[in-house]
Amino acid sequence: MQPHKSRYWLNANPDDPEEFRRQSAAVCELYERAEQLAEQGIHVVGTDEKTGIQALERLYPDIPMGPGRVQGREFEYVRHGTLCLIANLEIWCGHVIAPSVGPSRAEADFAAHVEQTVGTDPLAGWVFVVDNLDTHQSESRGSPGS
C-alpha cells in the first residue's frame, strides 16, 4: 500500500447522457481540426484556472551551489496569500498564450483575461473551450454557445 499516492477520477454522471456525448464529440472534433483552423487564422484554445497557488517569498536568499555542494534553500518563508492562474493552451501546438495571474477568478477576471488573450491577435478568430465554471457562463456574458 502507498497511501501517499492518489489519482483523480471523474464521475461523469450527466443529467442528459446523449447531450453530454454530443458536446464531447463536438469538442473532440474541434481539437482534431485545430491545426487546420489555425491555418485559416482561427485560434482554438483550452482555457482553465489554477486557484490557490501560494504566493511565497523566501525569508533568506538561496545559497548557490558550488563544487561538491548542492544549492541551499532556507525553509522559512513569508506567505503573501494565494493567487489564481488563468491560462490558454493553443490546442494545435501546445503553446500557452497570454496567461494571467491575479487574486481571484471572478467573472470580471475571466472577462479581462479573454480580452487580454484576444488582444494578442485581434484580427484572428478565437474559439475558447472552457469548463462549466459559473464565471464562464454568467448571465452578463451569455450562455455557452452564444
Protein backbone atom coordinates (compact mmCIF):
# COMPACT_ATOMS: atom_id res chain seq x y z
CA MET A 1 0.00 0.00 0.00
CA GLN A 2 1.13 3.53 -0.79
CA PRO A 3 -1.25 5.91 0.99
CA HIS A 4 0.80 8.96 -0.08
CA LYS A 5 -0.14 8.35 -3.72
CA SER A 6 -3.53 9.20 -5.17
CA ARG A 7 -5.14 9.58 -8.58
CA TYR A 8 -8.02 11.87 -9.59
CA TRP A 9 -11.01 10.47 -11.35
CA LEU A 10 -14.15 11.94 -12.85
CA ASN A 11 -17.53 10.52 -12.04
CA ALA A 12 -19.31 11.70 -15.17
CA ASN A 13 -22.99 11.26 -14.48
CA PRO A 14 -24.60 13.92 -16.70
CA ASP A 15 -28.29 14.73 -16.47
CA ASP A 16 -28.62 14.12 -20.21
CA PRO A 17 -26.11 11.46 -21.35
CA GLU A 18 -26.94 11.97 -25.05
CA GLU A 19 -26.32 15.73 -24.82
CA PHE A 20 -23.04 15.01 -22.99
CA ARG A 21 -21.96 12.64 -25.80
CA ARG A 22 -22.88 15.23 -28.43
CA GLN A 23 -20.93 18.00 -26.72
CA SER A 24 -17.94 15.73 -26.08
CA ALA A 25 -17.86 14.72 -29.74
CA ALA A 26 -18.03 18.38 -30.80
CA VAL A 27 -15.03 19.26 -28.61
CA CYS A 28 -13.05 16.25 -29.89
CA GLU A 29 -13.81 17.21 -33.49
CA LEU A 30 -12.76 20.80 -32.78
CA TYR A 31 -9.49 19.59 -31.28
CA GLU A 32 -8.85 17.37 -34.31
CA ARG A 33 -9.38 20.35 -36.64
CA ALA A 34 -7.36 22.83 -34.53
CA GLU A 35 -4.30 22.87 -36.81
CA GLN A 36 -6.44 23.29 -39.92
CA LEU A 37 -8.33 26.14 -38.24
CA ALA A 38 -5.03 27.77 -37.20
CA GLU A 39 -4.01 27.83 -40.87
CA GLN A 40 -7.25 29.77 -41.51
CA GLY A 41 -6.41 32.28 -38.75
CA ILE A 42 -8.63 30.81 -36.03
CA HIS A 43 -7.14 30.07 -32.60
CA VAL A 44 -8.61 27.11 -30.72
CA VAL A 45 -7.59 27.35 -27.07
CA GLY A 46 -8.41 25.35 -23.99
CA THR A 47 -8.76 27.75 -21.06
CA ASP A 48 -8.69 26.84 -17.38
CA GLU A 49 -7.82 28.18 -13.96
CA LYS A 50 -5.49 27.00 -11.23
CA THR A 51 -6.56 28.54 -7.96
CA GLY A 52 -4.97 28.62 -4.54
CA ILE A 53 -1.37 28.97 -5.73
CA GLN A 54 0.62 30.05 -2.69
CA ALA A 55 2.48 33.34 -3.15
CA LEU A 56 5.60 32.65 -1.14
CA GLU A 57 8.69 34.74 -0.55
CA ARG A 58 11.77 33.14 0.96
CA LEU A 59 12.90 34.85 4.16
CA TYR A 60 16.59 34.45 3.26
CA PRO A 61 18.30 34.19 -0.15
CA ASP A 62 19.38 30.82 -1.50
CA ILE A 63 22.97 29.71 -1.04
CA PRO A 64 24.33 29.00 -4.52
CA MET A 65 25.63 25.58 -5.41
CA GLY A 66 29.35 25.06 -5.71
CA PRO A 67 31.84 22.30 -6.32
CA GLY A 68 30.69 19.36 -4.22
CA ARG A 69 27.82 21.38 -2.69
CA VAL A 70 24.13 21.44 -3.65
CA GLN A 71 22.12 24.64 -3.63
CA GLY A 72 20.88 25.58 -0.17
CA ARG A 73 17.35 26.87 0.34
CA GLU A 74 16.12 28.23 3.67
CA PHE A 75 12.87 26.61 4.75
CA GLU A 76 11.38 29.78 6.27
CA TYR A 77 9.13 31.90 4.09
CA VAL A 78 6.62 34.74 4.21
CA ARG A 79 3.20 33.90 2.84
CA HIS A 80 1.51 36.59 0.75
CA GLY A 81 -1.83 34.85 0.31
CA THR A 82 -2.86 32.92 -2.77
CA LEU A 83 -3.13 33.68 -6.46
CA CYS A 84 -5.12 32.36 -9.39
CA LEU A 85 -3.56 31.49 -12.74
CA ILE A 86 -5.77 31.59 -15.84
CA ALA A 87 -4.08 30.16 -18.91
CA ASN A 88 -4.88 29.23 -22.50
CA LEU A 89 -3.34 26.27 -24.26
CA GLU A 90 -3.29 26.62 -28.05
CA ILE A 91 -4.51 23.14 -28.95
CA TRP A 92 -2.73 22.51 -32.23
CA CYS A 93 0.80 23.36 -30.99
CA GLY A 94 0.65 23.20 -27.18
CA HIS A 95 1.80 26.78 -26.58
CA VAL A 96 0.48 28.76 -23.63
CA ILE A 97 -0.96 32.12 -24.75
CA ALA A 98 -1.36 35.22 -22.56
CA PRO A 99 -1.55 33.70 -19.07
CA SER A 100 -2.82 36.00 -16.33
CA VAL A 101 -2.24 35.88 -12.60
CA GLY A 102 -4.44 37.64 -10.08
CA PRO A 103 -6.02 37.35 -6.67
CA SER A 104 -9.30 35.81 -7.86
CA ARG A 105 -11.13 34.09 -10.71
CA ALA A 106 -14.32 36.13 -10.69
CA GLU A 107 -16.33 36.93 -13.80
CA ALA A 108 -14.50 40.25 -14.28
CA ASP A 109 -11.13 38.48 -14.03
CA PHE A 110 -12.15 35.95 -16.66
CA ALA A 111 -13.53 38.65 -18.97
CA ALA A 112 -10.31 40.65 -18.65
CA HIS A 113 -8.31 37.51 -19.38
CA VAL A 114 -10.29 36.82 -22.56
CA GLU A 115 -9.84 40.45 -23.69
CA GLN A 116 -6.09 40.22 -23.00
CA THR A 117 -5.89 36.97 -24.97
CA VAL A 118 -7.82 38.26 -27.97
CA GLY A 119 -5.60 41.37 -27.87
CA THR A 120 -2.59 39.20 -28.77
CA ASP A 121 -4.12 38.67 -32.25
CA PRO A 122 -7.19 40.92 -32.56
CA LEU A 123 -7.89 40.20 -36.22
CA ALA A 124 -7.99 36.42 -35.76
CA GLY A 125 -10.93 34.23 -34.90
CA TRP A 126 -10.97 32.72 -31.41
CA VAL A 127 -12.62 29.60 -30.00
CA PHE A 128 -12.33 29.21 -26.22
CA VAL A 129 -13.03 25.75 -24.82
CA VAL A 130 -13.91 26.10 -21.13
CA ASP A 131 -15.44 24.02 -18.37
CA ASN A 132 -18.79 24.70 -16.72
CA LEU A 133 -17.49 27.11 -14.08
CA ASP A 134 -20.19 29.69 -13.37
CA THR A 135 -17.91 32.63 -14.31
CA HIS A 136 -17.71 31.20 -17.85
CA GLN A 137 -21.46 31.18 -18.36
CA SER A 138 -22.88 34.01 -16.29
CA GLU A 139 -25.94 35.99 -17.33
CA SER A 140 -23.93 39.11 -18.18
CA ARG A 141 -21.61 37.10 -20.50
CA GLY A 142 -24.26 34.97 -22.14
CA SER A 143 -24.64 31.24 -22.06
CA PRO A 144 -22.31 28.70 -23.69
CA GLY A 145 -22.55 28.82 -27.44
CA SER A 146 -23.84 32.39 -27.56
